[in-house]
Amino acid sequence: MSALAAPFSEVYSAALRGERCHVVGRAGAVQLPVAAWSRTADGSDRAVLALCEGPTLDVGCGPGRMTEHLTRSGNAALGIDVVPEAVRQTRARGAAALVRDVYDHVPGEGRWSTVLLADGNVGIGGDPRRLLTRVAALLAPGGRVVVDLAPPGSGLETRRLRLRTSAVQSELFAWSTVAADQVGVVCAGVGLVVDRLERFGDRWVAVLLKDGR
């Protein structure tokens, strides 16, 4: 393995193309679940997607199973991801996707009915409050965020991580974990309120509504 750190996008792209990849942090290494993200939407995914209403923006869409299912179900959906390979794979599934950072200009700003943060993507950038503030600005009045969360008791934590394959490792990147019992704390003051918390097997999901006050 090269001692030089590669851009995150390069290593994640290799993982999406089938290279075995681990997430490495101070607690050790965990295999990146790319196979689960690359399959078609399963029952748990469909339960989460049933919480989405109207035109939906899938932030951090990865290889696109969630955007694909929304599209095939007749819903207007757009995936965005900073990794071109993820967007390529999403488009190959017949879904719309753009290479885009959520903090850059996004089509339909202020008009989305739902923003989806699946697969722990509330952790993007290592600052959940900043991310949810941005997401609230993307929503239409009365819009919602559907967000995957860690199980209750997992806390609220930000870590510095790397992706690693047998050949290369990525630069450090920040990622946060938000437990289901902490989402209300994170939402405070960002323009969102917790409407409901659902459990689908071992998966915890919150619906956050844009606060119109």
Protein backbone atom coordinates (compact mmCIF):
# COMPACT_ATOMS: atom_id res chain seq x y z
CA MET A 1 0.00 0.00 0.00
CA SER A 2 1.27 3.45 -0.93
CA ALA A 3 2.28 5.66 1.99
CA LEU A 4 0.94 8.70 0.14
CA ALA A 5 -2.67 9.65 0.84
CA ALA A 6 -4.99 9.85 -2.16
CA PRO A 7 -8.10 12.01 -2.57
CA PHE A 8 -11.23 10.55 -0.97
CA SER A 9 -12.97 10.45 -4.34
CA GLU A 10 -10.24 8.27 -5.84
CA VAL A 11 -10.38 5.63 -3.11
CA TYR A 12 -14.17 5.62 -2.87
CA SER A 13 -14.38 5.24 -6.65
CA ALA A 14 -12.13 2.19 -6.45
CA ALA A 15 -14.46 0.73 -3.82
CA LEU A 16 -17.49 1.36 -6.01
CA ARG A 17 -15.74 -0.48 -8.83
CA GLY A 18 -15.37 -3.53 -6.62
CA GLU A 19 -12.08 -3.17 -4.73
CA ARG A 20 -12.25 -4.29 -1.11
CA CYS A 21 -12.19 -1.17 1.06
CA HIS A 22 -12.16 -0.44 4.79
CA VAL A 23 -13.00 2.62 6.86
CA VAL A 24 -10.09 3.19 9.22
CA GLY A 25 -10.27 5.15 12.48
CA ARG A 26 -8.83 5.05 15.95
CA ALA A 27 -11.05 2.07 16.85
CA GLY A 28 -9.71 -0.03 13.98
CA ALA A 29 -10.94 -0.89 10.50
CA VAL A 30 -14.46 -1.78 9.31
CA GLN A 31 -15.28 -2.95 5.82
CA LEU A 32 -17.13 -0.35 3.75
CA PRO A 33 -20.56 -1.88 2.93
CA VAL A 34 -20.45 -1.09 -0.78
CA ALA A 35 -22.26 -4.30 -1.74
CA ALA A 36 -25.26 -3.27 0.38
CA TRP A 37 -25.31 0.19 -1.20
CA SER A 38 -25.01 -1.23 -4.72
CA ARG A 39 -27.87 -3.74 -4.62
CA THR A 40 -31.48 -2.90 -5.40
CA ALA A 41 -33.55 -1.36 -2.61
CA ASP A 42 -34.64 -3.96 -0.05
CA GLY A 43 -37.61 -3.94 2.32
CA SER A 44 -35.89 -1.70 4.83
CA ASP A 45 -34.97 0.78 2.10
CA ARG A 46 -38.52 0.78 0.77
CA ALA A 47 -39.87 1.50 4.24
CA VAL A 48 -37.55 4.50 4.48
CA LEU A 49 -38.45 5.71 1.00
CA ALA A 50 -42.16 5.50 1.81
CA LEU A 51 -41.52 8.41 4.19
CA CYS A 52 -40.41 10.60 1.27
CA GLU A 53 -43.09 12.83 -0.24
CA GLY A 54 -42.99 14.70 -3.53
CA PRO A 55 -39.82 15.65 -5.42
CA THR A 56 -36.89 14.22 -3.48
CA LEU A 57 -33.21 15.16 -3.39
CA ASP A 58 -30.96 12.23 -2.41
CA VAL A 59 -27.85 13.79 -0.85
CA GLY A 60 -24.79 11.57 -1.05
CA CYS A 61 -26.59 9.17 -3.38
CA GLY A 62 -23.64 6.80 -3.77
CA PRO A 63 -24.29 4.12 -6.43
CA GLY A 64 -27.92 5.11 -6.53
CA ARG A 65 -30.20 2.38 -5.20
CA MET A 66 -32.44 4.85 -3.33
CA THR A 67 -32.67 7.34 -6.20
CA GLU A 68 -33.36 4.47 -8.58
CA HIS A 69 -36.22 3.11 -6.47
CA LEU A 70 -37.84 6.53 -6.16
CA THR A 71 -37.56 7.03 -9.92
CA ARG A 72 -38.97 3.61 -10.77
CA SER A 73 -41.85 4.29 -8.36
CA GLY A 74 -42.81 7.34 -10.40
CA ASN A 75 -41.40 10.00 -8.07
CA ALA A 76 -39.32 12.94 -9.22
CA ALA A 77 -35.88 12.35 -7.74
CA LEU A 78 -32.34 13.66 -8.14
CA GLY A 79 -29.19 12.19 -6.63
CA ILE A 80 -26.16 14.32 -5.88
CA ASP A 81 -22.70 13.11 -4.89
CA VAL A 82 -19.21 14.59 -4.92
CA VAL A 83 -17.78 11.40 -6.46
CA PRO A 84 -18.16 11.14 -10.26
CA GLU A 85 -18.10 7.33 -10.20
CA ALA A 86 -21.09 7.30 -7.84
CA VAL A 87 -23.00 9.60 -10.17
CA ARG A 88 -22.05 7.47 -13.18
CA GLN A 89 -23.40 4.35 -11.49
CA THR A 90 -26.59 6.11 -10.44
CA ARG A 91 -27.22 7.27 -13.99
CA ALA A 92 -26.51 3.75 -15.28
CA ARG A 93 -29.48 2.62 -13.18
CA GLY A 94 -31.73 5.02 -15.07
CA ALA A 95 -31.91 7.70 -12.37
CA ALA A 96 -30.98 11.38 -12.57
CA ALA A 97 -27.82 12.42 -10.75
CA LEU A 98 -25.29 15.25 -10.68
CA VAL A 99 -21.75 15.62 -9.42
CA ARG A 100 -22.44 18.24 -6.80
CA ASP A 101 -21.43 19.23 -3.28
CA VAL A 102 -24.52 19.88 -1.19
CA TYR A 103 -23.02 23.25 -0.19
CA ASP A 104 -22.72 24.37 -3.80
CA HIS A 105 -25.67 25.49 -5.93
CA VAL A 106 -28.23 22.69 -6.20
CA PRO A 107 -31.06 22.71 -8.78
CA GLY A 108 -34.42 23.47 -7.23
CA GLU A 109 -33.06 25.19 -4.13
CA GLY A 110 -35.92 26.09 -1.80
CA ARG A 111 -38.40 23.92 -3.72
CA TRP A 112 -37.65 20.31 -2.74
CA SER A 113 -40.41 18.50 -0.88
CA THR A 114 -38.02 15.95 0.65
CA VAL A 115 -34.29 15.74 1.21
CA LEU A 116 -33.04 12.20 1.87
CA LEU A 117 -29.99 11.55 4.04
CA ALA A 118 -29.72 7.77 3.85
CA ASP A 119 -27.00 5.41 5.08
CA GLY A 120 -25.71 7.74 7.78
CA ASN A 121 -25.22 10.68 5.41
CA VAL A 122 -26.21 13.10 8.16
CA GLY A 123 -22.53 12.64 9.02
CA ILE A 124 -21.26 14.23 5.78
CA GLY A 125 -18.57 16.81 6.53
CA GLY A 126 -18.45 16.10 10.24
CA ASP A 127 -20.86 18.90 11.20
CA PRO A 128 -24.51 17.70 11.34
CA ARG A 129 -25.88 21.07 12.43
CA ARG A 130 -24.27 22.84 9.48
CA LEU A 131 -25.51 20.13 7.11
CA LEU A 132 -29.08 20.24 8.40
CA THR A 133 -29.08 24.05 8.22
CA ARG A 134 -28.11 23.77 4.56
CA VAL A 135 -30.68 21.04 3.93
CA ALA A 136 -33.43 23.16 5.48
CA ALA A 137 -32.59 25.91 2.96
CA LEU A 138 -33.07 23.42 0.10
CA LEU A 139 -36.59 22.53 1.22
CA ALA A 140 -39.86 24.12 0.21
CA PRO A 141 -42.07 25.43 3.04
CA GLY A 142 -43.49 22.41 4.83
CA GLY A 143 -40.78 20.14 3.37
CA ARG A 144 -39.16 17.26 5.18
CA VAL A 145 -35.85 15.55 5.75
CA VAL A 146 -35.78 11.75 5.96
CA VAL A 147 -32.62 10.80 7.80
CA ASP A 148 -30.98 7.50 8.78
CA LEU A 149 -29.60 7.56 12.33
CA ALA A 150 -27.48 5.43 14.59
CA PRO A 151 -29.25 3.42 17.33
CA PRO A 152 -30.17 5.20 20.58
CA GLY A 153 -27.29 5.33 23.00
CA SER A 154 -24.68 5.71 20.24
CA GLY A 155 -24.21 9.36 21.11
CA LEU A 156 -23.15 12.26 18.93
CA GLU A 157 -19.58 11.92 17.72
CA THR A 158 -17.33 13.30 15.01
CA ARG A 159 -14.28 11.31 13.93
CA ARG A 160 -11.41 11.69 11.50
CA LEU A 161 -11.36 8.67 9.19
CA ARG A 162 -9.65 7.27 6.11
CA LEU A 163 -10.70 4.85 3.39
CA ARG A 164 -8.14 2.14 2.65
CA THR A 165 -7.80 -0.48 -0.07
CA SER A 166 -4.92 -2.90 -0.53
CA ALA A 167 -3.22 -0.36 -2.79
CA VAL A 168 -3.96 3.07 -1.37
CA GLN A 169 -5.47 5.02 1.50
CA SER A 170 -7.39 8.27 1.39
CA GLU A 171 -6.73 11.57 3.02
CA LEU A 172 -8.38 12.08 6.38
CA PHE A 173 -12.01 13.18 6.28
CA ALA A 174 -14.46 14.16 9.01
CA TRP A 175 -17.60 12.09 9.58
CA SER A 176 -20.24 12.31 12.32
CA THR A 177 -22.53 9.77 13.93
CA VAL A 178 -25.91 10.96 15.23
CA ALA A 179 -27.90 8.64 17.47
CA ALA A 180 -31.68 8.52 17.25
CA ASP A 181 -32.01 9.99 20.75
CA GLN A 182 -29.72 12.91 19.83
CA VAL A 183 -31.41 14.11 16.64
CA GLY A 184 -33.57 16.63 18.50
CA VAL A 185 -30.46 18.20 19.99
CA VAL A 186 -28.86 18.50 16.56
CA CYS A 187 -32.03 20.01 15.05
CA ALA A 188 -32.36 22.75 17.65
CA GLY A 189 -31.99 26.14 15.98
CA VAL A 190 -31.42 24.88 12.42
CA GLY A 191 -34.96 25.37 11.11
CA LEU A 192 -36.11 21.77 11.50
CA VAL A 193 -38.25 19.96 14.06
CA VAL A 194 -38.55 16.23 14.72
CA ASP A 195 -41.92 15.02 13.46
CA ARG A 196 -41.51 11.29 14.03
CA LEU A 197 -38.98 8.58 14.75
CA GLU A 198 -39.38 5.17 13.16
CA ARG A 199 -37.65 1.85 13.60
CA PHE A 200 -37.44 -0.70 10.78
CA GLY A 201 -35.68 -3.73 12.21
CA ASP A 202 -32.29 -2.45 13.35
CA ARG A 203 -32.66 0.75 11.35
CA TRP A 204 -33.66 4.05 12.97
CA VAL A 205 -35.08 6.84 10.81
CA ALA A 206 -36.36 10.32 11.65
CA VAL A 207 -38.64 12.61 9.72
CA LEU A 208 -37.72 16.25 10.26
CA LEU A 209 -40.07 19.00 9.15
CA LYS A 210 -39.09 22.48 8.05
CA ASP A 211 -40.09 24.88 10.80
CA GLY A 212 -42.30 27.55 9.27
CA ARG A 213 -42.25 29.88 12.24
